[in-house]
């Protein structure tokens, strides 16, 4: 009798444990993954804010993981990945020819497009890259020089240190060109858009994700500023956001990159940039 009771109790305990396991599997989709470890990222200051947002979201899902995101510039990111100083190097440009022999693995996590915007009532719709450069350098000062009305151009620029300004300077202005000192300086994409939307003679630049009907995005050499044209490479005022690894990513680094390319990760990207998936 004692043996029967003991056996019955064991069967009951086993059944309860099994039920608990089944319930846990139902709640976690059949997986009970516990990630831990640390990841160091370094490089582009333009990629840094997005990388920090992605890292915060990932650490919220996996509290045992610590991610440290540092700046330094794209060249630092490339070198840090190559030398193994960082697990991931961030770059906001394509690799230079001199960097190609490093054999780094490139992971394009996002695209950054910048739209040159004017007031919707402005008659100018299409300009060349050289014309845009001369406008923001103060060499072209009247809309009639671009086929528009005889009116002085109001240039609206971003503040020093702005990532969007830095990208525009790199992609449009070039190394030796300087912005006009007569520009109105605004502290955000939203402020630039607001200023341009209320001034028929204003021109500015904003992240493509900020485009709406209150402003008009100019075509550059006939190509409209759309996510599709950024992704197919035809819109030139754009750049990739790269995460670079020395080897094929493994372990927690791979899990982090997989998260970035997931629906949730690309949703975070889409808040301010152009997702790649």
Protein backbone atom coordinates (compact mmCIF):
# COMPACT_ATOMS: atom_id res chain seq x y z
CA UNK A 1 0.00 0.00 0.00
CA UNK A 2 2.82 2.43 0.90
CA UNK A 3 4.46 1.69 -2.44
CA UNK A 4 1.21 2.47 -4.26
CA UNK A 5 0.83 5.77 -2.38
CA UNK A 6 4.46 6.71 -3.05
CA UNK A 7 4.13 5.84 -6.71
CA UNK A 8 0.92 7.85 -6.96
CA UNK A 9 2.53 10.89 -5.39
CA UNK A 10 5.49 10.68 -7.79
CA UNK A 11 3.14 10.47 -10.76
CA UNK A 12 1.22 13.49 -9.47
CA UNK A 13 4.39 15.55 -8.95
CA UNK A 14 5.66 14.59 -12.42
CA UNK A 15 2.33 15.61 -13.95
CA UNK A 16 2.41 18.98 -12.22
CA UNK A 17 6.00 19.64 -13.34
CA UNK A 18 5.14 18.66 -16.91
CA UNK A 19 2.10 20.94 -16.90
CA UNK A 20 4.22 23.80 -15.61
CA UNK A 21 6.76 23.26 -18.37
CA UNK A 22 4.03 23.15 -20.98
CA UNK A 23 2.57 26.39 -19.62
CA UNK A 24 5.99 28.06 -19.69
CA UNK A 25 6.48 26.94 -23.27
CA UNK A 26 3.09 28.34 -24.23
CA UNK A 27 4.03 31.72 -22.73
CA UNK A 28 7.41 31.90 -24.46
CA UNK A 29 6.55 30.35 -27.79
CA UNK A 30 8.41 27.17 -26.88
CA UNK A 31 11.67 28.98 -26.15
CA UNK A 32 13.21 30.06 -22.87
CA UNK A 33 16.30 31.81 -24.15
CA UNK A 34 18.40 33.64 -21.60
CA UNK A 35 20.95 35.86 -23.33
CA UNK A 36 23.87 37.34 -21.46
CA UNK A 37 27.12 39.05 -22.27
CA UNK A 38 28.37 42.42 -23.42
CA UNK A 39 28.74 44.22 -26.75
CA UNK A 40 30.85 47.26 -27.55
CA UNK A 41 30.02 49.53 -30.47
CA UNK A 42 32.15 52.46 -31.67
CA UNK A 43 32.21 54.83 -34.61
CA UNK A 44 29.90 57.20 -36.46
CA UNK A 45 28.24 59.88 -34.37
CA UNK A 46 25.39 59.91 -36.91
CA UNK A 47 24.68 56.22 -36.33
CA UNK A 48 25.22 56.56 -32.57
CA UNK A 49 21.74 57.87 -31.60
CA UNK A 50 20.00 55.11 -33.58
CA UNK A 51 22.40 52.49 -32.21
CA UNK A 52 21.65 53.67 -28.67
CA UNK A 53 17.89 53.38 -29.24
CA UNK A 54 18.28 49.88 -30.65
CA UNK A 55 20.57 48.90 -27.77
CA UNK A 56 18.11 50.16 -25.16
CA UNK A 57 15.26 48.18 -26.74
CA UNK A 58 17.41 45.04 -26.93
CA UNK A 59 18.58 45.33 -23.32
CA UNK A 60 14.98 45.78 -22.21
CA UNK A 61 14.22 42.39 -23.75
CA UNK A 62 17.42 40.79 -22.43
CA UNK A 63 18.42 42.39 -19.09
CA UNK A 64 21.51 40.18 -18.79
CA UNK A 65 23.06 41.87 -21.85
CA UNK A 66 25.04 45.10 -21.60
CA UNK A 67 25.68 47.21 -24.71
CA UNK A 68 28.10 50.14 -24.72
CA UNK A 69 27.75 52.55 -27.67
CA UNK A 70 30.62 54.98 -28.28
CA UNK A 71 31.25 57.65 -30.93
CA UNK A 72 34.47 58.69 -32.60
CA UNK A 73 33.50 58.93 -36.25
CA UNK A 74 33.10 56.47 -39.12
CA UNK A 75 36.83 55.96 -39.61
CA UNK A 76 37.15 55.03 -35.94
CA UNK A 77 34.32 52.56 -36.40
CA UNK A 78 36.00 50.88 -39.35
CA UNK A 79 39.36 50.68 -37.58
CA UNK A 80 37.83 49.51 -34.29
CA UNK A 81 36.04 46.63 -36.02
CA UNK A 82 39.16 45.66 -37.96
CA UNK A 83 41.42 45.72 -34.91
CA UNK A 84 38.86 43.97 -32.72
CA UNK A 85 38.72 46.90 -30.30
CA UNK A 86 34.94 46.94 -30.73
CA UNK A 87 32.57 44.08 -31.46
CA UNK A 88 30.75 46.30 -33.93
CA UNK A 89 32.05 49.33 -35.80
CA UNK A 90 29.51 51.95 -36.89
CA UNK A 91 29.92 53.88 -40.14
CA UNK A 92 27.64 56.34 -41.92
CA UNK A 93 29.34 55.98 -45.28
CA UNK A 94 30.48 53.31 -47.69
CA UNK A 95 33.90 51.82 -47.03
CA UNK A 96 36.79 53.58 -48.74
CA UNK A 97 38.89 51.75 -51.30
CA UNK A 98 41.74 51.65 -48.80
CA UNK A 99 39.46 49.92 -46.27
CA UNK A 100 38.18 47.20 -48.61
CA UNK A 101 41.14 44.85 -47.96
CA UNK A 102 40.13 44.67 -44.29
CA UNK A 103 37.51 42.12 -45.29
CA UNK A 104 34.94 43.43 -42.85
CA UNK A 105 31.39 42.11 -42.89
CA UNK A 106 29.00 44.97 -43.73
CA UNK A 107 25.51 45.05 -42.24
CA UNK A 108 23.40 47.88 -43.69
CA UNK A 109 20.90 48.54 -40.91
CA UNK A 110 19.28 51.68 -42.35
CA UNK A 111 19.45 54.34 -45.03
CA UNK A 112 19.58 58.05 -44.27
CA UNK A 113 18.00 60.31 -46.89
CA UNK A 114 18.06 64.10 -46.68
CA UNK A 115 15.45 66.16 -48.53
CA UNK A 116 16.08 69.71 -49.72
CA UNK A 117 12.79 71.47 -49.03
CA UNK A 118 11.05 74.66 -50.09
CA UNK A 119 7.64 76.21 -49.50
CA UNK A 120 4.83 74.45 -51.44
CA UNK A 121 4.07 77.76 -53.23
CA UNK A 122 7.60 77.98 -54.61
CA UNK A 123 7.65 77.44 -58.38
CA UNK A 124 11.06 75.75 -58.39
CA UNK A 125 10.80 71.95 -58.29
CA UNK A 126 14.05 70.60 -59.75
CA UNK A 127 17.66 71.66 -59.16
CA UNK A 128 21.12 70.23 -59.67
CA UNK A 129 23.45 69.23 -56.87
CA UNK A 130 25.80 72.05 -57.81
CA UNK A 131 22.97 74.58 -57.55
CA UNK A 132 22.03 73.29 -54.09
CA UNK A 133 25.64 73.61 -52.99
CA UNK A 134 25.86 77.20 -54.27
CA UNK A 135 22.59 78.18 -52.57
CA UNK A 136 23.77 76.98 -49.16
CA UNK A 137 27.22 78.50 -49.72
CA UNK A 138 25.62 81.88 -50.47
CA UNK A 139 26.76 81.99 -54.11
CA UNK A 140 23.23 81.79 -55.49
CA UNK A 141 21.04 84.31 -53.64
CA UNK A 142 17.97 84.90 -55.82
CA UNK A 143 15.27 82.42 -56.91
CA UNK A 144 15.36 83.79 -60.48
CA UNK A 145 18.83 82.23 -60.79
CA UNK A 146 17.08 78.88 -60.42
CA UNK A 147 14.17 79.67 -62.73
CA UNK A 148 11.89 81.00 -60.01
CA UNK A 149 10.56 84.41 -58.96
CA UNK A 150 12.73 87.46 -58.53
CA UNK A 151 13.08 87.13 -54.74
CA UNK A 152 15.90 86.77 -52.28
CA UNK A 153 16.49 83.21 -51.07
CA UNK A 154 16.12 82.65 -47.34
CA UNK A 155 18.55 79.88 -46.37
CA UNK A 156 17.62 77.83 -43.32
CA UNK A 157 20.40 75.74 -41.81
CA UNK A 158 20.88 73.46 -38.81
CA UNK A 159 23.06 74.17 -35.79
CA UNK A 160 26.70 73.11 -35.47
CA UNK A 161 26.94 69.54 -34.26
CA UNK A 162 23.69 68.44 -35.91
CA UNK A 163 23.98 64.98 -37.45
CA UNK A 164 21.74 66.02 -40.34
CA UNK A 165 23.90 69.09 -40.96
CA UNK A 166 27.04 66.97 -40.84
CA UNK A 167 25.60 64.53 -43.37
CA UNK A 168 24.46 67.36 -45.67
CA UNK A 169 27.88 68.96 -45.43
CA UNK A 170 29.55 65.67 -46.33
CA UNK A 171 27.17 64.71 -49.16
CA UNK A 172 26.48 68.09 -50.74
CA UNK A 173 28.89 70.79 -49.65
CA UNK A 174 32.17 68.89 -49.78
CA UNK A 175 35.32 69.30 -47.74
CA UNK A 176 36.31 72.86 -48.66
CA UNK A 177 32.90 74.53 -49.04
CA UNK A 178 31.45 76.65 -46.25
CA UNK A 179 27.84 77.44 -45.41
CA UNK A 180 26.65 81.01 -45.84
CA UNK A 181 26.78 83.08 -42.67
CA UNK A 182 23.43 84.67 -43.57
CA UNK A 183 21.41 81.53 -42.90
CA UNK A 184 18.69 81.21 -40.26
CA UNK A 185 19.85 78.55 -37.79
CA UNK A 186 17.30 76.12 -36.38
CA UNK A 187 17.81 73.44 -33.70
CA UNK A 188 15.80 70.58 -35.22
CA UNK A 189 14.35 69.07 -38.39
CA UNK A 190 10.91 70.11 -37.20
CA UNK A 191 11.99 73.72 -36.71
CA UNK A 192 13.50 73.85 -40.21
CA UNK A 193 10.30 72.43 -41.69
CA UNK A 194 8.16 74.95 -39.79
CA UNK A 195 10.28 77.91 -40.96
CA UNK A 196 10.23 76.79 -44.60
CA UNK A 197 6.49 76.11 -44.49
CA UNK A 198 5.76 79.72 -43.49
CA UNK A 199 8.23 81.49 -45.80
CA UNK A 200 7.62 81.26 -49.59
CA UNK A 201 11.25 82.16 -50.27
CA UNK A 202 12.90 79.78 -47.78
CA UNK A 203 14.96 76.69 -48.47
CA UNK A 204 16.29 74.14 -45.98
CA UNK A 205 17.10 70.47 -45.57
CA UNK A 206 15.51 67.86 -43.33
CA UNK A 207 15.66 64.13 -42.73
CA UNK A 208 13.44 62.44 -45.31
CA UNK A 209 11.36 60.90 -42.56
CA UNK A 210 10.17 64.43 -41.65
CA UNK A 211 8.69 65.19 -45.08
CA UNK A 212 5.01 66.10 -45.12
CA UNK A 213 2.61 68.28 -47.11
CA UNK A 214 3.69 71.47 -45.33
CA UNK A 215 6.88 71.59 -47.46
CA UNK A 216 7.96 70.46 -50.92
CA UNK A 217 10.95 68.21 -51.46
CA UNK A 218 12.99 69.34 -54.45
CA UNK A 219 14.05 66.87 -57.10
CA UNK A 220 17.82 66.63 -57.45
CA UNK A 221 18.76 66.25 -61.13
CA UNK A 222 15.25 64.99 -61.82
CA UNK A 223 15.13 62.45 -58.98
CA UNK A 224 12.53 62.91 -56.24
CA UNK A 225 13.45 62.46 -52.55
CA UNK A 226 11.57 59.24 -51.80
CA UNK A 227 12.52 56.16 -49.77
CA UNK A 228 12.25 54.08 -52.95
CA UNK A 229 14.82 56.26 -54.74
CA UNK A 230 17.13 56.13 -51.74
CA UNK A 231 16.92 52.34 -51.62
CA UNK A 232 17.56 51.94 -55.36
CA UNK A 233 20.47 54.38 -55.21
CA UNK A 234 19.13 56.97 -57.65
CA UNK A 235 18.68 59.75 -55.05
CA UNK A 236 22.18 60.93 -54.28
CA UNK A 237 21.66 62.87 -51.03
CA UNK A 238 21.65 59.68 -49.02
CA UNK A 239 24.01 57.32 -47.26
CA UNK A 240 24.01 53.90 -45.63
CA UNK A 241 24.19 53.27 -41.91
CA UNK A 242 26.60 50.38 -41.51
CA UNK A 243 27.42 48.07 -38.63
CA UNK A 244 30.72 46.32 -39.30
CA UNK A 245 32.07 43.09 -37.83
CA UNK A 246 35.46 41.51 -38.33
CA UNK A 247 34.03 38.00 -38.61
CA UNK A 248 30.60 36.54 -39.24
CA UNK A 249 28.63 37.58 -36.14
CA UNK A 250 28.05 34.93 -33.51
CA UNK A 251 26.51 34.65 -30.06
CA UNK A 252 25.04 37.75 -28.49
CA UNK A 253 26.36 39.97 -31.31
CA UNK A 254 24.43 37.91 -33.85
CA UNK A 255 21.33 38.06 -31.66
CA UNK A 256 21.60 41.86 -31.51
CA UNK A 257 21.96 42.18 -35.29
CA UNK A 258 19.08 39.75 -35.81
CA UNK A 259 16.98 41.99 -33.56
CA UNK A 260 17.93 45.07 -35.60
CA UNK A 261 16.73 43.38 -38.79
CA UNK A 262 13.55 42.10 -37.15
CA UNK A 263 10.19 43.81 -37.54
CA UNK A 264 10.62 45.45 -34.14
CA UNK A 265 14.14 46.67 -34.87
CA UNK A 266 13.29 48.06 -38.30
CA UNK A 267 10.26 49.71 -36.72
CA UNK A 268 12.65 51.68 -34.52
CA UNK A 269 14.72 52.55 -37.60
CA UNK A 270 11.60 53.77 -39.41
CA UNK A 271 10.91 56.40 -36.74
CA UNK A 272 13.63 58.67 -38.16
CA UNK A 273 15.33 56.82 -41.00
CA UNK A 274 14.60 54.53 -43.95
CA UNK A 275 14.36 50.85 -43.02
CA UNK A 276 16.06 48.28 -45.24
CA UNK A 277 13.57 45.48 -44.55
